[in-house]
Protein backbone atom coordinates (compact mmCIF):
# COMPACT_ATOMS: atom_id res chain seq x y z
CA MET A 1 110.71 84.57 180.88
CA PRO A 2 108.66 87.51 179.36
CA HIS A 3 105.08 86.96 178.67
CA ALA A 4 104.07 86.91 174.96
CA VAL A 5 102.16 90.04 173.68
CA THR A 6 98.53 89.00 173.84
CA ILE A 7 96.63 92.20 174.25
CA ALA A 8 95.87 94.68 171.45
CA THR A 9 98.56 97.37 170.94
CA PRO A 10 97.20 100.70 172.38
CA GLY A 11 98.97 102.59 169.51
CA LEU A 12 101.66 104.32 171.68
CA GLN A 13 105.30 104.50 171.18
CA ALA A 14 107.75 103.96 173.84
CA LEU A 15 111.22 105.73 174.40
CA ILE A 16 113.77 103.99 176.67
CA LEU A 17 116.59 106.52 177.66
CA CYS A 18 119.75 104.65 178.34
CA GLY A 19 122.15 106.90 180.21
CA PRO A 20 125.77 106.79 181.11
CA GLY A 21 125.34 105.34 184.58
CA SER A 22 127.49 107.83 186.46
CA SER A 23 126.03 106.70 189.74
CA PHE A 24 127.88 103.28 189.28
CA PRO A 25 131.45 104.39 189.10
CA THR A 26 132.79 100.91 189.97
CA PHE A 27 130.97 99.12 187.16
CA THR A 28 130.63 101.80 184.45
CA ALA A 29 134.03 103.31 184.62
CA ASN A 30 134.08 103.02 180.83
CA PRO A 31 130.49 103.78 179.95
CA ASP A 32 131.06 103.19 176.17
CA GLU A 33 131.97 99.54 176.68
CA ASN A 34 129.94 98.88 179.85
CA PRO A 35 126.87 101.11 179.64
CA LYS A 36 124.51 101.08 182.66
CA ALA A 37 121.73 99.61 180.49
CA LEU A 38 123.56 96.20 180.36
CA LEU A 39 124.41 95.97 184.05
CA PRO A 40 122.66 92.90 185.38
CA ILE A 41 119.67 92.95 187.75
CA ALA A 42 119.02 89.46 188.99
CA ASN A 43 121.07 87.96 186.02
CA ARG A 44 119.12 89.87 183.52
CA PRO A 45 120.43 93.06 181.67
CA MET A 46 118.96 96.24 183.13
CA VAL A 47 117.33 97.23 179.91
CA TRP A 48 115.40 94.02 179.70
CA TYR A 49 113.07 95.26 182.33
CA PRO A 50 111.63 98.30 180.76
CA LEU A 51 111.52 96.42 177.43
CA GLU A 52 109.46 93.63 179.05
CA PHE A 53 107.30 96.20 180.64
CA CYS A 54 106.36 97.63 177.25
CA TYR A 55 105.80 94.21 175.61
CA ARG A 56 103.46 93.31 178.56
CA ALA A 57 101.41 96.49 177.90
CA GLY A 58 101.15 95.68 174.23
CA ILE A 59 103.57 98.36 173.11
CA THR A 60 105.77 97.16 170.29
CA ASN A 61 107.01 100.30 168.78
CA ILE A 62 109.94 100.74 171.01
CA THR A 63 113.16 102.75 170.56
CA LEU A 64 116.15 102.85 172.80
CA ILE A 65 118.02 106.13 172.94
CA CYS A 66 121.63 106.25 173.79
CA PRO A 67 124.82 108.09 173.23
CA PRO A 68 126.60 107.23 169.89
CA SER A 69 129.71 105.92 171.85
CA ALA A 70 127.52 103.30 173.66
CA SER A 71 125.46 102.16 170.52
CA GLU A 72 127.69 99.41 169.48
CA ALA A 73 127.83 97.77 172.94
CA ILE A 74 124.03 97.90 173.26
CA GLN A 75 123.42 96.78 169.81
CA THR A 76 125.70 93.82 170.31
CA ALA A 77 123.86 92.91 173.40
CA LEU A 78 120.37 93.16 171.68
CA ASN A 79 121.94 90.72 169.00
CA THR A 80 123.46 88.17 171.26
CA ASN A 81 122.29 88.29 175.00
CA PRO A 82 119.89 85.49 175.36
CA PHE A 83 117.38 87.37 177.52
CA LEU A 84 117.18 90.18 174.93
CA THR A 85 116.97 87.91 171.95
CA SER A 86 114.14 85.94 173.59
CA LEU A 87 112.03 89.04 173.68
CA PRO A 88 108.88 89.10 171.39
CA TYR A 89 108.93 90.54 167.86
CA PRO A 90 109.14 93.22 166.63
CA ARG A 91 112.54 93.95 168.12
CA PRO A 92 113.28 97.52 169.50
CA ASP A 93 115.05 100.15 167.46
CA LEU A 94 118.24 101.65 168.57
CA LEU A 95 118.79 105.50 168.16
CA ALA A 96 121.94 107.24 168.78
CA PRO A 97 121.57 111.01 167.96
CA LYS A 98 124.69 112.85 167.11
CA GLY A 99 123.91 115.69 169.63
CA LEU A 100 123.42 113.29 172.46
CA ASP A 101 126.17 112.95 175.05
CA GLN A 102 126.71 111.92 178.61
CA ASN A 103 125.55 115.25 180.05
CA THR A 104 122.37 115.81 177.80
CA GLY A 105 119.28 116.41 180.02
CA THR A 106 116.13 114.15 179.49
CA ALA A 107 114.10 117.08 178.04
CA GLU A 108 117.07 118.05 175.95
CA ILE A 109 116.91 114.58 174.40
CA LEU A 110 113.29 115.07 173.40
CA ARG A 111 114.45 118.18 171.61
CA LEU A 112 116.99 116.60 169.47
CA PRO A 113 115.89 116.50 165.63
CA GLU A 114 116.34 112.80 165.41
CA VAL A 115 113.91 112.14 168.46
CA GLN A 116 111.41 114.83 167.20
CA SER A 117 111.25 112.92 163.91
CA VAL A 118 110.67 109.43 165.48
CA VAL A 119 107.77 110.35 167.84
CA THR A 120 104.66 110.57 165.69
CA SER A 121 101.96 109.68 168.29
CA ASP A 122 101.27 109.44 171.98
CA PHE A 123 104.28 107.86 173.69
CA LEU A 124 105.85 106.51 176.87
CA VAL A 125 109.11 107.64 178.31
CA LEU A 126 111.04 105.18 180.57
CA PRO A 127 114.52 105.01 182.01
CA CYS A 128 116.67 102.01 181.37
CA ASP A 129 116.94 101.43 185.15
CA LEU A 130 113.14 100.80 185.74
CA VAL A 131 111.96 97.55 187.42
CA CYS A 132 108.20 97.77 187.28
CA GLU A 133 106.16 94.74 188.12
CA LEU A 134 102.85 96.64 187.83
CA GLY A 135 101.26 96.02 184.45
CA GLY A 136 101.70 98.95 182.01
CA ASP A 137 98.18 98.16 180.55
CA LYS A 138 96.64 99.19 183.86
CA LEU A 139 98.55 102.54 183.83
CA LEU A 140 97.44 103.01 180.18
CA GLN A 141 93.84 102.40 181.12
CA ALA A 142 93.93 104.80 183.84
CA TRP A 143 95.45 107.48 181.66
CA MET A 144 92.78 106.88 179.02
CA VAL A 145 89.92 107.06 181.57
CA LYS A 146 91.33 110.21 183.29
CA SER A 147 93.23 112.20 181.01
CA ALA A 148 93.14 111.13 177.35
CA SER A 149 91.00 112.98 174.85
CA LEU A 150 89.19 111.12 172.00
CA GLY A 151 90.56 113.37 169.27
CA ASP A 152 94.20 112.89 170.40
CA LEU A 153 93.79 109.16 170.49
CA LEU A 154 92.32 109.21 167.08
CA GLY A 155 94.99 111.47 165.77
CA ASP A 156 92.36 114.39 165.05
CA SER A 157 92.70 117.21 167.61
CA SER A 158 89.61 118.90 166.07
CA ARG A 159 87.52 116.28 167.64
CA SER A 160 88.84 117.02 171.19
CA SER A 161 85.97 119.49 172.09
CA GLY A 162 88.55 121.98 173.20
CA GLN A 163 90.31 119.64 175.62
CA ARG A 164 93.61 118.02 174.76
CA SER A 165 95.10 114.71 176.33
CA GLY A 166 97.08 115.23 179.47
CA GLY A 167 99.85 113.06 180.90
CA LEU A 168 100.52 110.59 183.74
CA GLY A 169 103.41 109.99 185.85
CA VAL A 170 104.37 107.31 188.61
CA TRP A 171 105.63 107.90 192.10
CA TYR A 172 106.54 105.28 194.68
CA GLN A 173 107.41 105.20 198.38
CA THR A 174 111.13 105.14 199.21
CA LYS A 175 110.55 104.56 203.15
CA THR A 176 110.06 100.90 202.90
CA ALA A 177 110.83 98.23 205.45
CA ALA A 178 114.47 98.34 204.20
CA PRO A 179 115.12 101.99 203.03
CA ILE A 180 118.18 102.79 201.12
CA LYS A 181 120.35 105.28 202.80
CA SER A 182 120.67 108.57 200.81
CA GLU A 183 118.14 107.42 198.12
CA GLU A 184 116.69 110.28 196.05
CA THR A 185 113.25 111.51 196.71
CA ASP A 186 110.96 114.07 195.00
CA PHE A 187 108.45 116.60 196.43
CA VAL A 188 105.11 116.25 194.85
CA ALA A 189 101.85 118.09 195.64
CA THR A 190 98.71 116.64 194.36
CA VAL A 191 94.89 117.38 194.42
CA PRO A 192 92.04 114.99 193.82
CA CYS A 193 90.85 114.59 190.21
CA LYS A 194 87.57 116.09 189.13
CA THR A 195 84.79 113.48 188.82
CA SER A 196 81.60 113.83 187.07
CA SER A 197 78.33 113.21 188.86
CA SER A 198 77.64 109.98 186.98
CA SER A 199 81.01 108.34 187.58
CA SER A 200 81.34 109.33 191.28
CA SER A 201 78.72 106.81 192.33
CA ILE A 202 80.37 103.93 190.51
CA LEU A 203 82.88 101.85 192.43
CA PRO A 204 86.19 101.20 190.70
CA GLN A 205 86.96 97.78 189.58
CA LYS A 206 88.91 95.60 191.77
CA GLY A 207 92.60 96.10 191.12
CA SER A 208 91.96 99.41 189.31
CA LEU A 209 94.41 102.30 189.75
CA LEU A 210 91.73 104.97 189.55
CA PRO A 211 91.58 105.50 193.41
CA HIS A 212 95.33 106.27 193.35
CA ILE A 213 95.19 108.87 190.56
CA SER A 214 95.40 112.45 191.40
CA LYS A 215 96.34 115.71 189.77
CA VAL A 216 99.98 117.08 190.03
CA VAL A 217 100.10 120.86 191.07
CA TYR A 218 103.80 121.14 192.25
CA SER A 219 106.62 119.01 191.65
CA MET A 220 110.48 119.22 192.16
CA PRO A 221 113.20 117.04 193.66
CA THR A 222 113.53 117.22 197.44
CA ASP A 223 117.01 118.57 197.22
CA SER A 224 115.78 121.53 195.21
CA LEU A 225 112.96 121.90 197.84
CA LYS A 226 115.26 122.02 200.72
CA ASP A 227 117.45 124.53 198.87
CA LEU A 228 114.23 126.61 198.22
CA VAL A 229 113.04 126.40 201.86
CA GLU A 230 116.48 127.40 203.18
CA GLU A 231 116.71 130.32 200.85
CA LYS A 232 113.19 131.61 201.53
CA THR A 233 113.06 130.41 205.33
CA GLY A 234 109.86 128.64 204.35
CA LEU A 235 108.03 127.00 201.36
CA PRO A 236 106.55 129.85 199.16
CA ILE A 237 102.98 128.98 198.29
CA ARG A 238 101.05 131.07 195.74
CA HIS A 239 97.55 132.38 196.46
CA GLY A 240 96.47 130.96 193.12
CA LEU A 241 97.26 127.51 194.28
CA LEU A 242 95.26 127.91 197.44
CA ARG A 243 92.33 129.43 195.75
CA SER A 244 92.23 126.92 193.02
CA HIS A 245 92.74 123.87 195.25
CA PRO A 246 91.60 124.14 198.77
CA ARG A 247 93.06 120.76 199.69
CA VAL A 248 96.66 119.89 198.71
CA ARG A 249 98.36 116.76 199.57
CA MET A 250 102.11 117.13 199.91
CA LEU A 251 104.46 114.10 199.71
CA THR A 252 108.21 114.20 200.52
CA THR A 253 109.15 110.55 200.82
CA TYR A 254 108.15 109.37 197.54
CA ARG A 255 110.15 109.23 194.29
CA ASP A 256 109.26 109.88 190.58
CA ALA A 257 109.80 106.53 188.85
CA HIS A 258 110.23 108.47 185.51
CA ILE A 259 107.43 106.48 183.98
CA TYR A 260 105.70 109.06 181.84
CA ILE A 261 102.78 108.81 179.55
CA PHE A 262 102.74 111.72 177.30
CA PRO A 263 100.57 112.99 174.38
CA ARG A 264 102.38 114.03 171.10
CA TRP A 265 101.94 117.64 171.71
CA ILE A 266 104.42 117.45 174.59
CA MET A 267 107.16 117.17 171.89
CA ASP A 268 105.99 120.66 170.58
CA PHE A 269 105.99 122.14 174.17
CA VAL A 270 109.60 120.90 174.74
CA ALA A 271 110.72 122.15 171.45
CA GLU A 272 109.23 125.63 171.95
CA ASN A 273 110.61 126.04 175.38
CA ASP A 274 114.33 125.50 174.92
CA ARG A 275 115.04 126.34 178.65
CA LEU A 276 113.61 123.10 179.77
CA GLU A 277 116.51 120.60 180.58
CA THR A 278 114.95 117.67 182.37
CA ILE A 279 111.57 116.03 182.13
CA GLY A 280 111.05 115.34 186.00
CA GLU A 281 112.10 118.79 187.16
CA ASP A 282 111.39 121.29 184.44
CA VAL A 283 108.68 119.71 182.11
CA ILE A 284 106.47 118.31 184.83
CA GLY A 285 107.33 121.12 187.26
CA TRP A 286 106.25 123.88 184.90
CA TRP A 287 103.34 121.97 183.49
CA ALA A 288 101.81 121.42 186.84
CA LYS A 289 102.12 124.97 187.78
CA ALA A 290 100.70 126.27 184.46
CA GLY A 291 97.35 124.61 185.44
CA TRP A 292 96.76 127.09 188.18
CA GLN A 293 99.27 130.01 187.97
CA LYS A 294 97.79 132.99 186.15
CA GLY A 295 99.53 133.89 182.92
CA LEU A 296 102.10 130.95 183.11
CA SER A 297 100.23 128.88 180.50
CA GLN A 298 100.52 131.94 177.92
CA LYS A 299 104.07 132.40 178.69
CA LEU A 300 104.85 128.73 178.11
CA GLY A 301 103.03 128.81 174.90
CA PHE A 302 100.30 126.39 175.69
CA ASP A 303 97.60 128.36 173.81
CA HIS A 304 99.83 128.27 170.67
CA ILE A 305 100.73 124.55 171.14
CA LEU A 306 97.36 123.36 171.85
CA GLY A 307 95.59 125.40 169.15
CA SER A 308 93.32 126.74 171.91
CA SER A 309 90.95 129.61 171.03
CA SER A 310 89.77 130.29 174.61
CA ASN A 311 89.04 133.80 175.40
CA SER A 312 91.64 135.17 178.08
CA THR A 313 90.50 137.81 180.51
CA GLU A 314 92.14 141.21 180.85
CA GLU A 315 93.93 139.92 184.10
CA ASP A 316 95.49 137.16 181.92
CA LYS A 317 96.72 139.54 179.23
CA MET A 318 98.21 141.77 181.90
CA ALA A 319 100.07 138.80 183.35
CA ALA A 320 101.14 137.63 180.02
CA SER A 321 102.62 140.97 179.15
CA GLY A 322 105.28 141.11 181.80
CA ILE A 323 103.81 141.13 185.28
CA LEU A 324 105.02 137.50 185.91
CA SER A 325 108.66 137.00 185.66
CA PRO A 326 109.74 134.35 183.03
CA PRO A 327 110.54 130.69 184.07
CA THR A 328 114.20 130.94 184.60
CA ASN A 329 114.77 128.88 187.72
CA LYS A 330 116.16 125.44 186.58
CA GLU A 331 115.02 123.88 189.72
CA GLY A 332 111.37 124.25 188.63
CA SER A 333 110.32 126.80 191.21
CA MET A 334 109.08 130.23 190.23
CA SER A 335 110.72 133.31 191.77
CA PRO A 336 107.91 134.58 194.03
CA PRO A 337 106.34 137.89 192.66
CA SER A 338 104.06 140.03 194.98
CA LYS A 339 101.26 137.62 195.15
CA THR A 340 103.40 134.96 196.88
CA ALA A 341 102.60 134.03 200.38
CA THR A 342 105.55 132.50 202.38
CA THR A 343 104.29 129.40 204.29
CA THR A 344 106.43 127.17 206.34
CA ALA A 345 105.48 123.57 205.54
CA ALA A 346 106.92 120.52 206.91
CA THR A 347 109.24 118.88 204.47
CA THR A 348 110.02 115.63 206.07
CA THR A 349 106.72 113.88 206.41
CA THR A 350 103.77 113.13 204.09
CA GLN A 351 100.87 115.58 205.07
CA THR A 352 97.51 116.86 203.81
CA MET A 353 96.83 120.56 204.57
CA SER A 354 93.58 122.44 204.10
CA VAL A 355 93.45 125.99 203.01
CA ASP A 356 92.40 127.07 206.32
CA GLN A 357 95.33 125.48 208.15
CA ILE A 358 97.68 127.04 205.62
CA ARG A 359 96.14 130.46 206.01
CA LYS A 360 96.28 130.34 209.85
CA LYS A 361 99.93 129.52 209.80
CA SER A 362 100.74 132.20 207.19
CA GLU A 363 98.49 135.06 208.43
CA PRO A 364 101.42 137.28 209.70
CA VAL A 365 103.01 137.33 206.30
CA LEU A 366 100.10 137.05 203.86
CA PRO A 367 99.70 140.37 201.84
CA GLY A 368 96.75 142.46 202.49
CA PRO A 369 93.51 142.51 200.61
CA GLN A 370 94.69 145.24 198.27
CA HIS A 371 95.24 142.66 195.46
CA HIS A 372 92.23 142.63 193.20
CA ASP A 373 92.43 138.57 192.91
CA ASP A 374 92.70 138.05 196.67
CA THR A 375 89.30 136.59 197.53
CA THR A 376 87.94 133.85 199.55
CA THR A 377 86.00 132.32 196.77
CA THR A 378 87.35 128.71 196.32
CA ASP A 379 85.53 128.00 192.95
CA PRO A 380 88.30 126.87 190.83
CA GLU A 381 86.23 127.44 187.75
CA ASN A 382 85.78 131.11 188.37
CA LYS A 383 89.29 131.78 189.66
CA ASN A 384 91.60 129.70 187.48
CA ASN A 385 91.69 130.81 183.88
CA ASN A 386 94.04 128.01 182.84
CA ASN A 387 91.46 125.41 182.15
CA ASN A 388 92.90 124.91 178.67
CA VAL A 389 95.91 123.18 180.27
CA PRO A 390 95.39 119.52 180.18
CA PRO A 391 96.10 117.88 183.52
CA MET A 392 99.30 116.15 184.49
CA LEU A 393 98.28 113.27 186.57
CA ALA A 394 100.07 111.21 189.14
CA TYR A 395 99.83 107.55 190.06
CA ILE A 396 100.87 107.30 193.82
CA HIS A 397 101.79 103.64 194.17
CA PRO A 398 100.51 102.42 197.50
CA TYR A 399 102.96 100.65 199.63
CA THR A 400 102.10 97.81 201.99
CA PRO A 401 104.79 96.80 204.57
CA PRO A 402 105.69 93.10 204.88
CA PRO A 403 104.18 91.08 207.84
CA PRO A 404 105.86 91.90 211.04
CA ALA A 405 106.00 88.15 211.88
CA ALA A 406 108.63 87.57 209.26
CA GLU A 407 111.21 89.63 211.07
CA PRO A 408 111.72 88.26 214.53
CA PRO A 409 113.53 84.95 213.87
CA LYS A 410 116.75 86.65 212.72
CA GLY A 411 116.73 89.73 214.94
CA GLY A 412 120.13 89.38 216.74
CA GLY A 413 122.45 91.24 214.46
CA GLY A 414 124.13 93.64 216.99
CA GLY A 415 127.66 92.39 217.80
CA GLY A 416 127.11 88.67 218.54
CA GLY A 417 129.44 85.96 217.46
CA LYS A 418 127.44 85.23 214.21
CA ASN A 419 126.93 88.69 212.79
CA GLN A 420 124.55 87.82 210.05
CA PRO A 421 122.90 90.77 208.08
CA ALA A 422 119.24 91.03 208.38
CA PRO A 423 117.29 89.32 205.39
CA VAL A 424 116.02 91.49 202.53
CA PRO A 425 112.29 91.91 203.14
CA VAL A 426 109.80 91.03 200.42
CA GLU A 427 107.49 93.85 199.34
CA GLN A 428 103.75 93.17 199.29
CA GLY A 429 102.25 94.02 195.97
CA PRO A 430 104.06 94.87 192.63
CA ILE A 431 107.55 96.17 192.82
CA ILE A 432 108.23 99.67 191.25
CA ARG A 433 111.70 100.87 191.73
CA ARG A 434 114.49 102.73 189.99
CA VAL A 435 117.90 100.90 190.26
CA ASP A 436 120.34 103.70 189.75
CA THR A 437 123.01 103.02 192.63
CA ALA A 438 124.96 99.94 193.59
CA GLN A 439 122.92 99.65 196.82
CA LEU A 440 119.68 99.53 194.81
CA LEU A 441 121.31 97.10 192.36
CA LEU A 442 121.97 94.74 195.17
CA GLN A 443 118.72 95.11 197.03
CA ILE A 444 116.37 94.79 194.19
CA SER A 445 118.44 91.82 192.76
CA LEU A 446 118.03 89.98 196.01
CA GLN A 447 114.43 90.80 196.29
CA LEU A 448 113.77 89.49 192.77
CA ALA A 449 115.74 86.32 193.76
CA LYS A 450 113.01 85.64 196.30
CA LEU A 451 110.25 85.36 193.74
CA PRO A 452 109.07 81.72 193.21
CA SER A 453 110.24 80.32 189.87
CA VAL A 454 108.12 78.91 187.21
CA GLU A 455 109.44 75.44 188.33
CA ASP A 456 108.29 76.04 191.87
CA LEU A 457 104.76 76.83 190.91
CA GLY A 458 104.47 73.59 188.82
CA GLY A 459 105.20 74.93 185.48
CA ARG A 460 102.21 77.41 185.71
CA GLU A 461 103.89 80.31 184.05
CA GLY A 462 100.79 82.45 184.18
CA ALA A 463 100.71 82.30 187.95
CA ALA A 464 104.36 83.41 188.27
CA SER A 465 105.52 87.05 188.46
CA PRO A 466 106.74 88.45 184.98
CA TYR A 467 110.19 88.68 186.65
CA ALA A 468 110.26 85.03 187.77
CA HIS A 469 112.94 82.78 186.31
CA ALA A 470 112.34 79.25 184.87
CA ARG A 471 114.45 77.62 187.68
CA LYS A 472 116.27 78.86 190.82
CA VAL A 473 119.34 76.79 190.03
CA ALA A 474 119.69 76.79 186.23
CA TYR A 475 122.57 74.24 186.02
CA PRO A 476 122.16 71.74 188.97
CA GLU A 477 124.83 69.56 187.52
CA GLY A 478 127.48 72.12 188.40
CA VAL A 479 126.67 72.00 192.13
CA LYS A 480 128.77 69.44 194.12
CA PRO A 481 127.50 67.43 197.14
CA ARG A 482 127.89 68.81 200.62
CA THR A 483 126.86 72.38 199.72
CA THR A 484 124.33 74.67 201.19
CA ILE A 485 122.18 76.86 198.87
CA THR A 486 118.88 78.40 200.05
CA LYS A 487 117.00 78.04 196.98
CA ALA A 488 113.98 80.16 198.31
CA ASP A 489 116.25 83.41 198.11
CA THR A 490 119.12 82.47 195.74
CA LEU A 491 119.58 82.60 191.99
CA VAL A 492 122.18 80.48 190.18
CA ALA A 493 122.57 81.07 186.50
CA ASP A 494 123.87 78.73 183.78
CA ASN A 495 127.21 77.10 183.80
CA VAL A 496 128.16 77.77 187.39
CA THR A 497 130.55 75.43 189.22
CA ILE A 498 130.12 75.28 193.06
CA GLN A 499 132.57 73.20 194.99
CA GLU A 500 131.91 71.23 198.19
CA LYS A 501 131.51 72.85 201.77
CA THR A 502 130.36 76.05 200.20
CA SER A 503 127.44 78.04 201.51
CA LEU A 504 125.19 80.50 199.47
CA LYS A 505 122.41 82.48 201.43
CA GLU A 506 120.34 85.22 199.64
CA CYS A 507 122.64 85.51 196.63
CA VAL A 508 122.56 86.13 192.83
CA ILE A 509 125.27 84.17 190.98
CA GLY A 510 125.83 85.15 187.37
CA ALA A 511 126.71 82.81 184.49
CA ASN A 512 130.03 80.97 184.21
CA CYS A 513 131.17 81.71 187.73
CA GLN A 514 133.18 79.47 189.91
CA ILE A 515 132.92 79.30 193.67
CA ASN A 516 135.63 77.21 195.25
CA GLU A 517 135.71 74.91 198.23
CA GLY A 518 134.75 76.28 201.64
CA ALA A 519 133.59 79.61 200.46
CA LYS A 520 130.67 81.38 202.26
CA LEU A 521 128.63 84.06 200.57
CA THR A 522 125.78 86.03 202.12
CA GLN A 523 123.68 88.54 200.24
CA CYS A 524 125.98 88.94 197.26
CA LEU A 525 125.70 89.75 193.85
CA LEU A 526 128.13 88.12 191.32
CA MET A 527 128.05 89.15 187.72
CA ASP A 528 129.21 86.79 184.91
CA GLY A 529 132.49 85.01 185.03
CA VAL A 530 133.52 85.74 188.77
CA VAL A 531 135.93 83.52 190.47
CA VAL A 532 135.75 83.13 194.23
CA GLY A 533 138.75 81.39 195.98
CA LYS A 534 138.89 78.84 198.66
CA ASN A 535 137.48 79.68 202.12
CA CYS A 536 136.41 83.24 201.26
CA LYS A 537 133.85 84.85 203.36
CA LEU A 538 131.83 87.52 201.35
CA THR A 539 129.00 89.64 202.90
CA ARG A 540 126.84 92.20 200.84
CA CYS A 541 129.41 92.38 198.09
CA ILE A 542 128.97 93.18 194.43
CA LEU A 543 131.56 91.55 192.22
CA GLY A 544 132.01 92.83 188.59
CA LYS A 545 132.27 90.67 185.50
CA ARG A 546 135.29 88.19 185.31
CA SER A 547 136.73 89.60 188.57
CA GLU A 548 138.65 87.24 190.94
CA ILE A 549 138.73 86.93 194.62
CA GLY A 550 141.83 85.39 196.15
CA GLU A 551 141.85 82.68 198.57
CA GLY A 552 140.96 83.46 202.17
CA CYS A 553 139.49 86.83 201.55
CA VAL A 554 137.11 88.41 204.17
CA LEU A 555 134.98 91.15 202.37
CA ALA A 556 131.83 93.02 203.64
CA ASP A 557 129.84 95.65 201.91
CA CYS A 558 132.52 95.78 199.10
CA GLU A 559 132.45 96.55 195.43
CA VAL A 560 135.01 94.99 192.79
CA GLN A 561 135.53 96.33 189.45
CA GLU A 562 135.43 94.05 186.37
CA ASN A 563 138.59 91.94 185.42
CA LEU A 564 140.14 92.79 188.81
CA LEU A 565 142.16 90.46 191.01
CA VAL A 566 141.74 91.01 194.83
CA GLU A 567 144.83 89.56 196.56
CA PRO A 568 144.51 86.52 198.77
CA LYS A 569 143.94 87.07 202.52
CA THR A 570 142.59 90.42 201.81
CA GLU A 571 140.23 91.83 204.75
CA ALA A 572 138.14 94.90 203.78
CA LYS A 573 134.82 96.60 204.66
CA ASP A 574 132.95 99.37 202.76
CA GLU A 575 135.59 99.47 200.00
CA LYS A 576 135.56 99.90 196.30
CA PHE A 577 138.33 97.93 194.47
CA MET A 578 139.10 99.57 191.20
CA SER A 579 142.06 99.35 188.95
CA SER A 580 144.33 102.48 188.69
CA SER A 581 143.58 102.81 185.04
CA GLY A 582 139.86 103.15 185.81
CA LEU A 583 140.33 105.91 188.25
CA GLU A 584 140.14 109.45 186.71
CA ALA A 585 140.02 111.52 189.85
CA SER A 586 142.50 114.43 190.28
CA GLY A 587 145.34 114.32 192.63
CA ASP A 588 143.46 116.02 195.35
CA ASP A 589 140.67 113.60 194.99
CA ASP A 590 143.15 110.57 195.24
CA ASP A 591 144.51 112.09 198.50
CA GLU A 592 140.93 112.24 199.98
CA GLU A 593 140.13 108.67 198.83
CA GLU A 594 143.29 107.38 200.52
CA GLU A 595 142.25 109.20 203.69
CA SER A 596 138.70 107.91 203.72
CA GLY A 597 139.68 104.38 202.67
CA THR A 598 136.72 103.80 200.55
CA GLU A 599 138.56 103.06 197.34
CA THR A 600 141.35 100.49 196.75
CA THR A 601 143.27 99.76 193.70
CA GLY A 602 143.67 96.07 192.80
CA THR A 603 145.45 94.10 190.09
CA GLU A 604 143.76 93.92 186.67
CA HIS A 605 143.86 90.45 185.30
CA ASP A 606 143.35 89.14 181.76
CA ASP A 607 140.95 86.22 181.00
CA ASP A 608 142.01 85.67 177.40
CA ASP A 609 143.20 82.21 178.20
CA ASP A 610 140.03 81.07 179.73
CA GLY A 611 138.04 78.81 177.45
CA GLU A 612 134.84 80.46 178.77
CA THR A 613 135.73 83.94 177.81
CA GLU A 614 133.30 84.20 174.82
CA ASP A 615 130.34 82.99 177.07
CA ASP A 616 131.30 85.49 179.75
CA ASP A 617 131.21 88.54 177.36
CA GLU A 618 127.84 87.42 176.30
């Protein structure tokens, strides 16, 4: 259960963006009735996790933003779902701007008039698919220490002494002990934060995030990076970046968690630059570059937005008058002008490159010394005239792999008689993940199922994870004798009936499910109201709400749409069972799907006669 709000509110607002869920085609075929925000992660609605994150941080001014077509379903869930109704007061507001549809970019959402009028202070932006066990209060503390200005915090920019508040984002490692195939990653380049002489000698408090805070100087999705490298036959790196920051750390296996702490002025920045479409790629990408690329801060309007009266040099005026081309590349990468050096940087590993290493690699293609600003001086104060741009900081979440001793006992999964899948490893330290694909939905649900419950810890709720359930098996009376349930890694919700001779290993079972005699489930996620027939064998399957699996089915790595009946004796692997009414592909796409065998149409059944239908909908 969520912890009560026991800390003082930091005075920030929170915006939670509830998108359509196009990456869950099996379960959000109708995003208006079944929006992504309500998909269950470990038996809780997806949107519960960012809401709980905000309350834990002391933020109670929360606004959910969704398309108008999905507002009714989300509002109904806020009023009826027991997990959402049990959250502390005040309850979150729901905003459904008229101009918001399923294709609106995240930066475009901030530009909508309804959103502009709602945001009146510094704020957080979160996705609805975020699972973040790390305390938001620690992120806010790091932001206030490293980037916030006193004037902005007090709502009086005149007291900021020329420096306005910056921002903070979060990135996490994707190459874990159990990586997800084809999971999105982002390219981010960071440099150490400036530290004063007085604070550099003071060791940070234990558990502080400050050692993992750095300044972002370059950011874009890895796919965009690969396209850029392929087009330019190398990674274009500007001289201004190397002169301002002699040591740059480049990360390519991390992912932007889309947790952003923004000052209020970012709303003006987005409103003034109407070419910005997304927050992660456009807003962060251009903001990071504006801190070191000459003339870019003026072209983006930072001086006007921040009310800066700093004197710009003659070079800055020349750059602002048109020497630099305007930001037109949607991917967040500037078209390289004459001052661009092309340097091939490895894009598959995490690396740290010094300026000398980069210059040695790029000597044959570096322009000659005829440029007036091409100097070897590495003093950023002298060479960078964009000091009025507040920093965009990054918290790079450290990853600690699980102990190797936990893996050997179940190693033999090759082609033996008992082809059991490898157990889902438990990450060491707080979990930070975006759950935006079916594979991640399954893995994170199974990982959260391994957390000790409050009951396991003797009722000491303070010692439990904020995502721990009260009990592993919420309704023990529904479990018949002679069943095998591994409680250490399985969650069973309310009103679930489990018949004799069944086996549940590493599973998450939703409310009102029925598992009949002889069924064997391993690493499966069942949403509410699922019926599993006799003697079924399911491995790594995700079953939608009120779906039914016929007797004797053998399914592996399959997805079943809600309200769908899978015929008895079906054997399938790596298939998506969807009703024909839910498929909106063209005829050519249908032919391709039949050839690949990845999608199968099933029979849609109606549960209106079932006495538990109302509970299932809940």
